[in-house]
C-alpha cells in the first residue's frame, strides 16, 4: 500500500510494483501497461519516411506491422494502382499473415501513409 514508508522509494526513482499500490490504483497501473504495449511504435519505422497519420494512427492500430512487409510491397508489388488523389496502392502477399497487405504511399511512391491486411484483394 502507499504510505509514508514508500515515499522515499518513489522519490528516489524506485520501480513501482503493482502489489505496492493501493488496490484502487492497481487497475490503473495495469491499464497503463496494456495501453503502452499497444501504442508503442516500432523503432524500425523511424528510418523510413511516413506521414503523421501512419505514425499516429496506423502503427497504433497495427503494432505488429513490419517495415520489411511494407518495403516489399513498394519494391516488388503483386499489383499496383494509382489513386485519383495521387497516392499509390501496392499489394504484396505476406506469408506470416496468410493475407495480402495493401500499402498506400504518397505520390512519391515511398512515403508510407497506410498499410493493412486486405481481405478483399484477389490477385
PDB file of N, CA and C in Angstrom:
ATOM      1  N   UNK A   1       0.829  -1.185   0.000  1.00  0.00           N
ATOM      2  CA  UNK A   1       0.000   0.000   0.000  1.00  0.00           C
ATOM      3  C   UNK A   1       0.876   1.252   0.000  1.00  0.00           C
ATOM      4  N   UNK A   2       0.326   2.328  -0.499  1.00  0.00           N
ATOM      5  CA  UNK A   2       1.050   3.584  -0.460  1.00  0.00           C
ATOM      6  C   UNK A   2       0.933   4.174   0.940  1.00  0.00           C
ATOM      7  N   UNK A   3       2.055   4.387   1.567  1.00  0.00           N
ATOM      8  CA  UNK A   3       2.088   5.051   2.860  1.00  0.00           C
ATOM      9  C   UNK A   3       3.395   5.813   2.963  1.00  0.00           C
ATOM     10  N   UNK A   4       3.671   6.394   4.087  1.00  0.00           N
ATOM     11  CA  UNK A   4       4.868   7.200   4.269  1.00  0.00           C
ATOM     12  C   UNK A   4       6.151   6.430   4.027  1.00  0.00           C
ATOM     13  N   UNK A   5       6.163   5.124   4.279  1.00  0.00           N
ATOM     14  CA  UNK A   5       7.393   4.352   4.134  1.00  0.00           C
ATOM     15  C   UNK A   5       7.803   4.199   2.672  1.00  0.00           C
ATOM     16  N   UNK A   6       6.858   4.348   1.760  1.00  0.00           N
ATOM     17  CA  UNK A   6       7.172   4.191   0.348  1.00  0.00           C
ATOM     18  C   UNK A   6       7.586   5.507  -0.315  1.00  0.00           C
ATOM     19  N   UNK A   7       7.328   6.623   0.333  1.00  0.00           N
ATOM     20  CA  UNK A   7       7.595   7.921  -0.288  1.00  0.00           C
ATOM     21  C   UNK A   7       9.041   8.065  -0.723  1.00  0.00           C
ATOM     22  N   UNK A   8       9.962   7.686   0.139  1.00  0.00           N
ATOM     23  CA  UNK A   8      11.376   7.824  -0.183  1.00  0.00           C
ATOM     24  C   UNK A   8      11.761   6.946  -1.367  1.00  0.00           C
ATOM     25  N   UNK A   9      11.203   5.730  -1.416  1.00  0.00           N
ATOM     26  CA  UNK A   9      11.494   4.823  -2.542  1.00  0.00           C
ATOM     27  C   UNK A   9      11.058   5.450  -3.856  1.00  0.00           C
ATOM     28  N   UNK A  10       9.843   5.969  -3.893  1.00  0.00           N
ATOM     29  CA  UNK A  10       9.308   6.522  -5.125  1.00  0.00           C
ATOM     30  C   UNK A  10      10.036   7.805  -5.512  1.00  0.00           C
ATOM     31  N   UNK A  11      10.398   8.596  -4.518  1.00  0.00           N
ATOM     32  CA  UNK A  11      11.123   9.833  -4.788  1.00  0.00           C
ATOM     33  C   UNK A  11      12.507   9.537  -5.354  1.00  0.00           C
ATOM     34  N   UNK A  12      13.079   8.402  -4.942  1.00  0.00           N
ATOM     35  CA  UNK A  12      14.410   8.025  -5.429  1.00  0.00           C
ATOM     36  C   UNK A  12      14.340   7.355  -6.792  1.00  0.00           C
ATOM     37  N   UNK A  13      13.148   7.215  -7.340  1.00  0.00           N
ATOM     38  CA  UNK A  13      13.006   6.635  -8.675  1.00  0.00           C
ATOM     39  C   UNK A  13      12.920   5.122  -8.675  1.00  0.00           C
ATOM     40  N   UNK A  14      12.607   4.516  -7.551  1.00  0.00           N
ATOM     41  CA  UNK A  14      12.473   3.061  -7.499  1.00  0.00           C
ATOM     42  C   UNK A  14      11.278   2.637  -8.329  1.00  0.00           C
ATOM     43  N   UNK A  15      11.373   1.463  -8.913  1.00  0.00           N
ATOM     44  CA  UNK A  15      10.267   0.938  -9.722  1.00  0.00           C
ATOM     45  C   UNK A  15       9.061   0.697  -8.836  1.00  0.00           C
ATOM     46  N   UNK A  16       7.904   0.992  -9.368  1.00  0.00           N
ATOM     47  CA  UNK A  16       6.666   0.776  -8.622  1.00  0.00           C
ATOM     48  C   UNK A  16       6.119  -0.589  -9.005  1.00  0.00           C
ATOM     49  N   UNK A  17       5.981  -1.439  -8.042  1.00  0.00           N
ATOM     50  CA  UNK A  17       5.408  -2.759  -8.299  1.00  0.00           C
ATOM     51  C   UNK A  17       3.915  -2.683  -8.064  1.00  0.00           C
ATOM     52  N   UNK A  18       3.114  -3.359  -8.890  1.00  0.00           N
ATOM     53  CA  UNK A  18       1.662  -3.292  -8.739  1.00  0.00           C
ATOM     54  C   UNK A  18       1.191  -3.680  -7.345  1.00  0.00           C
ATOM     55  N   UNK A  19       1.883  -4.599  -6.676  1.00  0.00           N
ATOM     56  CA  UNK A  19       1.447  -5.043  -5.362  1.00  0.00           C
ATOM     57  C   UNK A  19       1.666  -3.985  -4.301  1.00  0.00           C
ATOM     58  N   UNK A  20       2.547  -3.007  -4.564  1.00  0.00           N
ATOM     59  CA  UNK A  20       2.792  -1.919  -3.618  1.00  0.00           C
ATOM     60  C   UNK A  20       1.715  -0.847  -3.689  1.00  0.00           C
ATOM     61  N   UNK A  21       0.935  -0.867  -4.739  1.00  0.00           N
ATOM     62  CA  UNK A  21      -0.058   0.176  -4.942  1.00  0.00           C
ATOM     63  C   UNK A  21      -1.344  -0.120  -4.187  1.00  0.00           C
ATOM     64  N   UNK A  22      -2.047   0.929  -3.908  1.00  0.00           N
ATOM     65  CA  UNK A  22      -3.381   0.813  -3.318  1.00  0.00           C
ATOM     66  C   UNK A  22      -4.254   0.043  -4.306  1.00  0.00           C
ATOM     67  N   UNK A  23      -5.151  -0.826  -3.837  1.00  0.00           N
ATOM     68  CA  UNK A  23      -5.976  -1.620  -4.770  1.00  0.00           C
ATOM     69  C   UNK A  23      -6.698  -0.787  -5.819  1.00  0.00           C
ATOM     70  N   UNK A  24      -7.099   0.423  -5.462  1.00  0.00           N
ATOM     71  CA  UNK A  24      -7.805   1.259  -6.441  1.00  0.00           C
ATOM     72  C   UNK A  24      -6.874   1.692  -7.562  1.00  0.00           C
ATOM     73  N   UNK A  25      -5.562   1.758  -7.293  1.00  0.00           N
ATOM     74  CA  UNK A  25      -4.606   2.191  -8.303  1.00  0.00           C
ATOM     75  C   UNK A  25      -4.077   1.036  -9.144  1.00  0.00           C
ATOM     76  N   UNK A  26      -4.202  -0.202  -8.658  1.00  0.00           N
ATOM     77  CA  UNK A  26      -3.682  -1.357  -9.396  1.00  0.00           C
ATOM     78  C   UNK A  26      -4.310  -1.472 -10.775  1.00  0.00           C
ATOM     79  N   UNK A  27      -5.608  -1.261 -10.841  1.00  0.00           N
ATOM     80  CA  UNK A  27      -6.313  -1.365 -12.123  1.00  0.00           C
ATOM     81  C   UNK A  27      -5.755  -0.333 -13.097  1.00  0.00           C
ATOM     82  N   UNK A  28      -5.524   0.882 -12.639  1.00  0.00           N
ATOM     83  CA  UNK A  28      -4.981   1.946 -13.485  1.00  0.00           C
ATOM     84  C   UNK A  28      -3.570   1.580 -13.934  1.00  0.00           C
ATOM     85  N   UNK A  29      -2.755   1.056 -13.037  1.00  0.00           N
ATOM     86  CA  UNK A  29      -1.383   0.662 -13.351  1.00  0.00           C
ATOM     87  C   UNK A  29      -1.391  -0.409 -14.443  1.00  0.00           C
ATOM     88  N   UNK A  30      -2.263  -1.412 -14.301  1.00  0.00           N
ATOM     89  CA  UNK A  30      -2.339  -2.483 -15.297  1.00  0.00           C
ATOM     90  C   UNK A  30      -2.826  -1.936 -16.628  1.00  0.00           C
ATOM     91  N   UNK A  31      -3.809  -1.033 -16.606  1.00  0.00           N
ATOM     92  CA  UNK A  31      -4.316  -0.460 -17.851  1.00  0.00           C
ATOM     93  C   UNK A  31      -3.208   0.302 -18.568  1.00  0.00           C
ATOM     94  N   UNK A  32      -2.402   1.062 -17.813  1.00  0.00           N
ATOM     95  CA  UNK A  32      -1.315   1.832 -18.428  1.00  0.00           C
ATOM     96  C   UNK A  32      -0.308   0.907 -19.090  1.00  0.00           C
ATOM     97  N   UNK A  33       0.028  -0.198 -18.453  1.00  0.00           N
ATOM     98  CA  UNK A  33       0.973  -1.142 -19.057  1.00  0.00           C
ATOM     99  C   UNK A  33       0.399  -1.742 -20.335  1.00  0.00           C
ATOM    100  N   UNK A  34      -0.864  -2.111 -20.323  1.00  0.00           N
ATOM    101  CA  UNK A  34      -1.510  -2.679 -21.512  1.00  0.00           C
ATOM    102  C   UNK A  34      -1.565  -1.614 -22.604  1.00  0.00           C
ATOM    103  N   UNK A  35      -1.939  -0.405 -22.255  1.00  0.00           N
ATOM    104  CA  UNK A  35      -2.013   0.683 -23.231  1.00  0.00           C
ATOM    105  C   UNK A  35      -0.653   0.920 -23.882  1.00  0.00           C
ATOM    106  N   UNK A  36       0.417   0.935 -23.081  1.00  0.00           N
ATOM    107  CA  UNK A  36       1.758   1.155 -23.624  1.00  0.00           C
ATOM    108  C   UNK A  36       2.176   0.044 -24.568  1.00  0.00           C
ATOM    109  N   UNK A  37       1.764  -1.191 -24.289  1.00  0.00           N
ATOM    110  CA  UNK A  37       2.105  -2.305 -25.177  1.00  0.00           C
ATOM    111  C   UNK A  37       1.524  -2.077 -26.571  1.00  0.00           C
ATOM    112  N   UNK A  38       0.315  -1.542 -26.639  1.00  0.00           N
ATOM    113  CA  UNK A  38      -0.358  -1.410 -27.916  1.00  0.00           C
ATOM    114  C   UNK A  38      -0.094  -0.080 -28.608  1.00  0.00           C
ATOM    115  N   UNK A  39       0.462   0.888 -27.909  1.00  0.00           N
ATOM    116  CA  UNK A  39       0.715   2.172 -28.547  1.00  0.00           C
ATOM    117  C   UNK A  39       2.195   2.396 -28.845  1.00  0.00           C
ATOM    118  N   UNK A  40       3.052   1.485 -28.431  1.00  0.00           N
ATOM    119  CA  UNK A  40       4.477   1.640 -28.727  1.00  0.00           C
ATOM    120  C   UNK A  40       4.695   1.508 -30.229  1.00  0.00           C
ATOM    121  N   UNK A  41       5.454   2.416 -30.775  1.00  0.00           N
ATOM    122  CA  UNK A  41       5.719   2.397 -32.211  1.00  0.00           C
ATOM    123  C   UNK A  41       7.033   1.673 -32.474  1.00  0.00           C
ATOM    124  N   UNK A  42       7.066   0.791 -33.454  1.00  0.00           N
ATOM    125  CA  UNK A  42       8.316   0.101 -33.759  1.00  0.00           C
ATOM    126  C   UNK A  42       9.408   1.084 -34.168  1.00  0.00           C
ATOM    127  N   UNK A  43      10.609   0.899 -33.641  1.00  0.00           N
ATOM    128  CA  UNK A  43      11.726   1.783 -33.958  1.00  0.00           C
ATOM    129  C   UNK A  43      12.116   1.702 -35.426  1.00  0.00           C
ATOM    130  N   UNK A  44      11.884   0.557 -36.051  1.00  0.00           N
ATOM    131  CA  UNK A  44      12.318   0.385 -37.425  1.00  0.00           C
ATOM    132  C   UNK A  44      11.674   1.401 -38.367  1.00  0.00           C
ATOM    133  N   UNK A  45      10.487   1.884 -38.046  1.00  0.00           N
ATOM    134  CA  UNK A  45       9.804   2.828 -38.927  1.00  0.00           C
ATOM    135  C   UNK A  45      10.390   4.230 -38.826  1.00  0.00           C
ATOM    136  N   UNK A  46      11.239   4.487 -37.833  1.00  0.00           N
ATOM    137  CA  UNK A  46      11.811   5.820 -37.685  1.00  0.00           C
ATOM    138  C   UNK A  46      12.811   6.140 -38.795  1.00  0.00           C
ATOM    139  N   UNK A  47      13.278   5.110 -39.499  1.00  0.00           N
ATOM    140  CA  UNK A  47      14.252   5.328 -40.578  1.00  0.00           C
ATOM    141  C   UNK A  47      13.596   5.470 -41.947  1.00  0.00           C
ATOM    142  N   UNK A  48      12.310   5.314 -42.037  1.00  0.00           N
ATOM    143  CA  UNK A  48      11.595   5.343 -43.308  1.00  0.00           C
ATOM    144  C   UNK A  48      10.636   6.530 -43.309  1.00  0.00           C
ATOM    145  N   UNK A  49      10.446   7.225 -44.444  1.00  0.00           N
ATOM    146  CA  UNK A  49       9.510   8.353 -44.453  1.00  0.00           C
ATOM    147  C   UNK A  49       8.068   7.890 -44.272  1.00  0.00           C
ATOM    148  N   UNK A  50       7.374   8.521 -43.327  1.00  0.00           N
ATOM    149  CA  UNK A  50       5.976   8.191 -43.042  1.00  0.00           C
ATOM    150  C   UNK A  50       5.195   9.475 -42.812  1.00  0.00           C
ATOM    151  N   UNK A  51       3.898   9.393 -43.013  1.00  0.00           N
ATOM    152  CA  UNK A  51       3.032  10.537 -42.730  1.00  0.00           C
ATOM    153  C   UNK A  51       2.669  10.525 -41.246  1.00  0.00           C
ATOM    154  N   UNK A  52       2.230  11.666 -40.717  1.00  0.00           N
ATOM    155  CA  UNK A  52       1.766  11.675 -39.323  1.00  0.00           C
ATOM    156  C   UNK A  52       0.614  10.681 -39.104  1.00  0.00           C
ATOM    157  N   UNK A  53      -0.272  10.543 -40.092  1.00  0.00           N
ATOM    158  CA  UNK A  53      -1.364   9.572 -39.967  1.00  0.00           C
ATOM    159  C   UNK A  53      -0.808   8.162 -39.774  1.00  0.00           C
ATOM    160  N   UNK A  54       0.198   7.797 -40.541  1.00  0.00           N
ATOM    161  CA  UNK A  54       0.783   6.464 -40.428  1.00  0.00           C
ATOM    162  C   UNK A  54       1.384   6.268 -39.036  1.00  0.00           C
ATOM    163  N   UNK A  55       2.147   7.252 -38.568  1.00  0.00           N
ATOM    164  CA  UNK A  55       2.811   7.143 -37.262  1.00  0.00           C
ATOM    165  C   UNK A  55       1.819   7.135 -36.114  1.00  0.00           C
ATOM    166  N   UNK A  56       0.834   8.024 -36.159  1.00  0.00           N
ATOM    167  CA  UNK A  56      -0.054   8.224 -35.015  1.00  0.00           C
ATOM    168  C   UNK A  56      -1.304   7.352 -35.007  1.00  0.00           C
ATOM    169  N   UNK A  57      -1.712   6.855 -36.161  1.00  0.00           N
ATOM    170  CA  UNK A  57      -2.938   6.048 -36.215  1.00  0.00           C
ATOM    171  C   UNK A  57      -2.688   4.609 -36.652  1.00  0.00           C
ATOM    172  N   UNK A  58      -1.998   4.452 -37.787  1.00  0.00           N
ATOM    173  CA  UNK A  58      -1.813   3.106 -38.349  1.00  0.00           C
ATOM    174  C   UNK A  58      -0.973   2.235 -37.418  1.00  0.00           C
ATOM    175  N   UNK A  59       0.154   2.754 -36.958  1.00  0.00           N
ATOM    176  CA  UNK A  59       1.014   1.951 -36.090  1.00  0.00           C
ATOM    177  C   UNK A  59       0.378   1.680 -34.732  1.00  0.00           C
ATOM    178  N   UNK A  60      -0.513   2.559 -34.298  1.00  0.00           N
ATOM    179  CA  UNK A  60      -1.222   2.329 -33.037  1.00  0.00           C
ATOM    180  C   UNK A  60      -2.230   1.194 -33.205  1.00  0.00           C
ATOM    181  N   UNK A  61      -2.951   1.198 -34.335  1.00  0.00           N
ATOM    182  CA  UNK A  61      -3.946   0.151 -34.587  1.00  0.00           C
ATOM    183  C   UNK A  61      -3.319  -1.186 -34.947  1.00  0.00           C
ATOM    184  N   UNK A  62      -2.134  -1.140 -35.555  1.00  0.00           N
ATOM    185  CA  UNK A  62      -1.479  -2.366 -36.034  1.00  0.00           C
ATOM    186  C   UNK A  62      -0.038  -2.438 -35.522  1.00  0.00           C
ATOM    187  N   UNK A  63       0.152  -2.705 -34.230  1.00  0.00           N
ATOM    188  CA  UNK A  63       1.507  -2.713 -33.663  1.00  0.00           C
ATOM    189  C   UNK A  63       2.388  -3.838 -34.200  1.00  0.00           C
ATOM    190  N   UNK A  64       1.777  -4.852 -34.798  1.00  0.00           N
ATOM    191  CA  UNK A  64       2.552  -5.975 -35.334  1.00  0.00           C
ATOM    192  C   UNK A  64       3.009  -5.738 -36.777  1.00  0.00           C
ATOM    193  N   UNK A  65       2.662  -4.601 -37.346  1.00  0.00           N
ATOM    194  CA  UNK A  65       3.056  -4.267 -38.714  1.00  0.00           C
ATOM    195  C   UNK A  65       4.575  -4.166 -38.813  1.00  0.00           C
ATOM    196  N   UNK A  66       5.148  -4.728 -39.860  1.00  0.00           N
ATOM    197  CA  UNK A  66       6.607  -4.717 -40.031  1.00  0.00           C
ATOM    198  C   UNK A  66       7.008  -3.896 -41.247  1.00  0.00           C
ATOM    199  N   UNK A  67       8.104  -3.169 -41.077  1.00  0.00           N
ATOM    200  CA  UNK A  67       8.629  -2.346 -42.167  1.00  0.00           C
ATOM    201  C   UNK A  67       9.004  -3.210 -43.364  1.00  0.00           C
ATOM    202  N   UNK A  68       9.574  -4.376 -43.120  1.00  0.00           N
ATOM    203  CA  UNK A  68      10.009  -5.236 -44.235  1.00  0.00           C
ATOM    204  C   UNK A  68       8.835  -5.605 -45.143  1.00  0.00           C
ATOM    205  N   UNK A  69       7.653  -5.780 -44.584  1.00  0.00           N
ATOM    206  CA  UNK A  69       6.478  -6.095 -45.402  1.00  0.00           C
ATOM    207  C   UNK A  69       6.113  -4.888 -46.269  1.00  0.00           C
ATOM    208  N   UNK A  70       6.133  -3.716 -45.674  1.00  0.00           N
ATOM    209  CA  UNK A  70       5.790  -2.502 -46.420  1.00  0.00           C
ATOM    210  C   UNK A  70       6.797  -2.240 -47.532  1.00  0.00           C
ATOM    211  N   UNK A  71       8.067  -2.423 -47.244  1.00  0.00           N
ATOM    212  CA  UNK A  71       9.103  -2.211 -48.246  1.00  0.00           C
ATOM    213  C   UNK A  71       8.974  -3.231 -49.374  1.00  0.00           C
ATOM    214  N   UNK A  72       8.623  -4.472 -49.037  1.00  0.00           N
ATOM    215  CA  UNK A  72       8.431  -5.498 -50.071  1.00  0.00           C
ATOM    216  C   UNK A  72       7.294  -5.108 -51.007  1.00  0.00           C
ATOM    217  N   UNK A  73       6.238  -4.517 -50.463  1.00  0.00           N
ATOM    218  CA  UNK A  73       5.121  -4.076 -51.308  1.00  0.00           C
ATOM    219  C   UNK A  73       5.546  -2.947 -52.231  1.00  0.00           C
ATOM    220  N   UNK A  74       6.412  -2.080 -51.748  1.00  0.00           N
ATOM    221  CA  UNK A  74       6.881  -0.960 -52.561  1.00  0.00           C
ATOM    222  C   UNK A  74       7.885  -1.435 -53.611  1.00  0.00           C
ATOM    223  N   UNK A  75       8.786  -2.333 -53.209  1.00  0.00           N
ATOM    224  CA  UNK A  75       9.856  -2.792 -54.105  1.00  0.00           C
ATOM    225  C   UNK A  75       9.359  -3.707 -55.210  1.00  0.00           C
ATOM    226  N   UNK A  76       8.500  -4.648 -54.864  1.00  0.00           N
ATOM    227  CA  UNK A  76       8.012  -5.591 -55.889  1.00  0.00           C
ATOM    228  C   UNK A  76       6.566  -5.975 -55.597  1.00  0.00           C
ATOM    229  N   UNK A  77       5.652  -5.056 -55.889  1.00  0.00           N
ATOM    230  CA  UNK A  77       4.235  -5.337 -55.615  1.00  0.00           C
ATOM    231  C   UNK A  77       3.660  -6.388 -56.560  1.00  0.00           C
ATOM    232  N   UNK A  78       2.709  -7.138 -56.039  1.00  0.00           N
ATOM    233  CA  UNK A  78       1.957  -8.086 -56.859  1.00  0.00           C
ATOM    234  C   UNK A  78       1.030  -7.302 -57.788  1.00  0.00           C
ATOM    235  N   UNK A  79       0.523  -6.176 -57.263  1.00  0.00           N
ATOM    236  CA  UNK A  79      -0.368  -5.314 -58.041  1.00  0.00           C
ATOM    237  C   UNK A  79      -0.145  -3.878 -57.575  1.00  0.00           C
ATOM    238  N   UNK A  80      -0.268  -2.934 -58.506  1.00  0.00           N
ATOM    239  CA  UNK A  80      -0.097  -1.513 -58.192  1.00  0.00           C
ATOM    240  C   UNK A  80      -1.250  -0.752 -58.821  1.00  0.00           C
ATOM    241  N   UNK A  81      -1.781   0.226 -58.085  1.00  0.00           N
ATOM    242  CA  UNK A  81      -2.912   1.005 -58.584  1.00  0.00           C
ATOM    243  C   UNK A  81      -2.739   2.467 -58.143  1.00  0.00           C
ATOM    244  N   UNK A  82      -2.829   3.375 -59.096  1.00  0.00           N
ATOM    245  CA  UNK A  82      -2.764   4.800 -58.769  1.00  0.00           C
ATOM    246  C   UNK A  82      -4.151   5.279 -58.374  1.00  0.00           C
ATOM    247  N   UNK A  83      -4.227   6.032 -57.288  1.00  0.00           N
ATOM    248  CA  UNK A  83      -5.494   6.599 -56.842  1.00  0.00           C
ATOM    249  C   UNK A  83      -5.677   7.973 -57.482  1.00  0.00           C
ATOM    250  N   UNK A  84      -6.920   8.442 -57.606  1.00  0.00           N
ATOM    251  CA  UNK A  84      -7.171   9.762 -58.203  1.00  0.00           C
ATOM    252  C   UNK A  84      -6.484  10.905 -57.455  1.00  0.00           C
ATOM    253  N   UNK A  85      -6.251  10.735 -56.139  1.00  0.00           N
ATOM    254  CA  UNK A  85      -5.618  11.798 -55.351  1.00  0.00           C
ATOM    255  C   UNK A  85      -4.089  11.764 -55.439  1.00  0.00           C
ATOM    256  N   UNK A  86      -3.543  10.874 -56.262  1.00  0.00           N
ATOM    257  CA  UNK A  86      -2.097  10.792 -56.450  1.00  0.00           C
ATOM    258  C   UNK A  86      -1.408   9.734 -55.604  1.00  0.00           C
ATOM    259  N   UNK A  87      -2.090   9.257 -54.575  1.00  0.00           N
ATOM    260  CA  UNK A  87      -1.492   8.200 -53.762  1.00  0.00           C
ATOM    261  C   UNK A  87      -1.432   6.910 -54.557  1.00  0.00           C
ATOM    262  N   UNK A  88      -0.570   6.010 -54.092  1.00  0.00           N
ATOM    263  CA  UNK A  88      -0.355   4.752 -54.818  1.00  0.00           C
ATOM    264  C   UNK A  88      -0.657   3.578 -53.900  1.00  0.00           C
ATOM    265  N   UNK A  89      -1.501   2.664 -54.374  1.00  0.00           N
ATOM    266  CA  UNK A  89      -1.796   1.424 -53.650  1.00  0.00           C
ATOM    267  C   UNK A  89      -0.912   0.318 -54.214  1.00  0.00           C
ATOM    268  N   UNK A  90      -0.331  -0.458 -53.304  1.00  0.00           N
ATOM    269  CA  UNK A  90       0.515  -1.575 -53.723  1.00  0.00           C
ATOM    270  C   UNK A  90       0.235  -2.754 -52.799  1.00  0.00           C
ATOM    271  N   UNK A  91       0.192  -3.938 -53.374  1.00  0.00           N
ATOM    272  CA  UNK A  91      -0.107  -5.140 -52.602  1.00  0.00           C
ATOM    273  C   UNK A  91       1.056  -6.123 -52.657  1.00  0.00           C
ATOM    274  N   UNK A  92       1.217  -6.868 -51.563  1.00  0.00           N
ATOM    275  CA  UNK A  92       2.203  -7.943 -51.501  1.00  0.00           C
ATOM    276  C   UNK A  92       1.617  -9.033 -50.597  1.00  0.00           C
ATOM    277  N   UNK A  93       1.911 -10.293 -50.927  1.00  0.00           N
ATOM    278  CA  UNK A  93       1.452 -11.386 -50.074  1.00  0.00           C
ATOM    279  C   UNK A  93       2.423 -11.548 -48.912  1.00  0.00           C
ATOM    280  N   UNK A  94       1.886 -11.628 -47.702  1.00  0.00           N
ATOM    281  CA  UNK A  94       2.702 -11.801 -46.500  1.00  0.00           C
ATOM    282  C   UNK A  94       2.396 -13.175 -45.911  1.00  0.00           C
ATOM    283  N   UNK A  95       3.322 -14.130 -46.038  1.00  0.00           N
ATOM    284  CA  UNK A  95       3.062 -15.485 -45.530  1.00  0.00           C
ATOM    285  C   UNK A  95       2.741 -15.530 -44.037  1.00  0.00           C
ATOM    286  N   UNK A  96       3.383 -14.658 -43.239  1.00  0.00           N
ATOM    287  CA  UNK A  96       3.112 -14.657 -41.796  1.00  0.00           C
ATOM    288  C   UNK A  96       1.668 -14.286 -41.479  1.00  0.00           C
ATOM    289  N   UNK A  97       1.053 -13.507 -42.336  1.00  0.00           N
ATOM    290  CA  UNK A  97      -0.347 -13.115 -42.150  1.00  0.00           C
ATOM    291  C   UNK A  97      -1.310 -14.007 -42.920  1.00  0.00           C
ATOM    292  N   UNK A  98      -0.766 -14.733 -43.887  1.00  0.00           N
ATOM    293  CA  UNK A  98      -1.580 -15.536 -44.821  1.00  0.00           C
ATOM    294  C   UNK A  98      -2.593 -14.652 -45.547  1.00  0.00           C
ATOM    295  N   UNK A  99      -2.189 -13.408 -45.802  1.00  0.00           N
ATOM    296  CA  UNK A  99      -3.057 -12.441 -46.475  1.00  0.00           C
ATOM    297  C   UNK A  99      -2.204 -11.501 -47.313  1.00  0.00           C
ATOM    298  N   UNK A 100      -2.893 -10.762 -48.167  1.00  0.00           N
ATOM    299  CA  UNK A 100      -2.236  -9.699 -48.918  1.00  0.00           C
ATOM    300  C   UNK A 100      -2.250  -8.428 -48.073  1.00  0.00           C
ATOM    301  N   UNK A 101      -1.136  -7.722 -48.077  1.00  0.00           N
ATOM    302  CA  UNK A 101      -1.022  -6.458 -47.369  1.00  0.00           C
ATOM    303  C   UNK A 101      -1.148  -5.336 -48.392  1.00  0.00           C
ATOM    304  N   UNK A 102      -2.059  -4.413 -48.152  1.00  0.00           N
ATOM    305  CA  UNK A 102      -2.172  -3.232 -49.010  1.00  0.00           C
ATOM    306  C   UNK A 102      -1.364  -2.116 -48.357  1.00  0.00           C
ATOM    307  N   UNK A 103      -0.476  -1.541 -49.117  1.00  0.00           N
ATOM    308  CA  UNK A 103       0.349  -0.431 -48.643  1.00  0.00           C
ATOM    309  C   UNK A 103       0.020   0.776 -49.511  1.00  0.00           C
ATOM    310  N   UNK A 104      -0.332   1.869 -48.868  1.00  0.00           N
ATOM    311  CA  UNK A 104      -0.635   3.106 -49.584  1.00  0.00           C
ATOM    312  C   UNK A 104       0.484   4.089 -49.303  1.00  0.00           C
ATOM    313  N   UNK A 105       1.078   4.592 -50.386  1.00  0.00           N
ATOM    314  CA  UNK A 105       2.141   5.589 -50.263  1.00  0.00           C
ATOM    315  C   UNK A 105       1.668   6.908 -50.858  1.00  0.00           C
ATOM    316  N   UNK A 106       2.378   7.964 -50.538  1.00  0.00           N
ATOM    317  CA  UNK A 106       2.106   9.249 -51.181  1.00  0.00           C
ATOM    318  C   UNK A 106       2.578   9.174 -52.629  1.00  0.00           C
ATOM    319  N   UNK A 107       2.376  10.231 -53.379  1.00  0.00           N
ATOM    320  CA  UNK A 107       2.712  10.207 -54.807  1.00  0.00           C
ATOM    321  C   UNK A 107       4.197  10.020 -55.090  1.00  0.00           C
ATOM    322  N   UNK A 108       5.060  10.153 -54.068  1.00  0.00           N
ATOM    323  CA  UNK A 108       6.486   9.898 -54.288  1.00  0.00           C
ATOM    324  C   UNK A 108       6.794   8.398 -54.356  1.00  0.00           C
ATOM    325  N   UNK A 109       5.814   7.563 -54.014  1.00  0.00           N
ATOM    326  CA  UNK A 109       5.983   6.109 -54.094  1.00  0.00           C
ATOM    327  C   UNK A 109       6.781   5.513 -52.958  1.00  0.00           C
ATOM    328  N   UNK A 110       7.155   6.334 -51.975  1.00  0.00           N
ATOM    329  CA  UNK A 110       7.972   5.832 -50.876  1.00  0.00           C
ATOM    330  C   UNK A 110       7.392   6.137 -49.494  1.00  0.00           C
ATOM    331  N   UNK A 111       6.842   7.318 -49.309  1.00  0.00           N
ATOM    332  CA  UNK A 111       6.339   7.737 -48.000  1.00  0.00           C
ATOM    333  C   UNK A 111       5.094   6.935 -47.626  1.00  0.00           C
ATOM    334  N   UNK A 112       5.195   6.192 -46.530  1.00  0.00           N
ATOM    335  CA  UNK A 112       4.093   5.331 -46.095  1.00  0.00           C
ATOM    336  C   UNK A 112       2.957   6.164 -45.510  1.00  0.00           C
ATOM    337  N   UNK A 113       1.745   5.897 -45.987  1.00  0.00           N
ATOM    338  CA  UNK A 113       0.560   6.584 -45.483  1.00  0.00           C
ATOM    339  C   UNK A 113      -0.409   5.623 -44.805  1.00  0.00           C
ATOM    340  N   UNK A 114      -0.512   4.403 -45.316  1.00  0.00           N
ATOM    341  CA  UNK A 114      -1.425   3.417 -44.733  1.00  0.00           C
ATOM    342  C   UNK A 114      -0.940   2.024 -45.094  1.00  0.00           C
ATOM    343  N   UNK A 115      -1.269   1.053 -44.269  1.00  0.00           N
ATOM    344  CA  UNK A 115      -0.945  -0.346 -44.550  1.00  0.00           C
ATOM    345  C   UNK A 115      -1.874  -1.217 -43.723  1.00  0.00           C
ATOM    346  N   UNK A 116      -2.451  -2.208 -44.370  1.00  0.00           N
ATOM    347  CA  UNK A 116      -3.370  -3.105 -43.654  1.00  0.00           C
ATOM    348  C   UNK A 116      -3.569  -4.386 -44.455  1.00  0.00           C
ATOM    349  N   UNK A 117      -3.892  -5.482 -43.762  1.00  0.00           N
ATOM    350  CA  UNK A 117      -4.227  -6.724 -44.467  1.00  0.00           C
ATOM    351  C   UNK A 117      -5.532  -6.496 -45.240  1.00  0.00           C
ATOM    352  N   UNK A 118      -5.502  -6.788 -46.523  1.00  0.00           N
ATOM    353  CA  UNK A 118      -6.657  -6.537 -47.399  1.00  0.00           C
ATOM    354  C   UNK A 118      -7.392  -7.844 -47.639  1.00  0.00           C
ATOM    355  N   UNK A 119      -8.510  -8.022 -46.962  1.00  0.00           N
ATOM    356  CA  UNK A 119      -9.269  -9.272 -47.065  1.00  0.00           C
ATOM    357  C   UNK A 119      -9.955  -9.443 -48.418  1.00  0.00           C
ATOM    358  N   UNK A 120     -10.227  -8.324 -49.097  1.00  0.00           N
ATOM    359  CA  UNK A 120     -10.973  -8.398 -50.360  1.00  0.00           C
ATOM    360  C   UNK A 120     -10.085  -8.522 -51.591  1.00  0.00           C
ATOM    361  N   UNK A 121      -8.766  -8.333 -51.452  1.00  0.00           N
ATOM    362  CA  UNK A 121      -7.909  -8.340 -52.633  1.00  0.00           C
ATOM    363  C   UNK A 121      -7.769  -9.734 -53.220  1.00  0.00           C
ATOM    364  N   UNK A 122      -7.960  -9.813 -54.522  1.00  0.00           N
ATOM    365  CA  UNK A 122      -7.765 -11.059 -55.276  1.00  0.00           C
ATOM    366  C   UNK A 122      -6.774 -10.760 -56.397  1.00  0.00           C
ATOM    367  N   UNK A 123      -5.660 -11.486 -56.465  1.00  0.00           N
ATOM    368  CA  UNK A 123      -4.653 -11.208 -57.495  1.00  0.00           C
ATOM    369  C   UNK A 123      -5.157 -11.542 -58.901  1.00  0.00           C
TER     370      UNK A 123
END
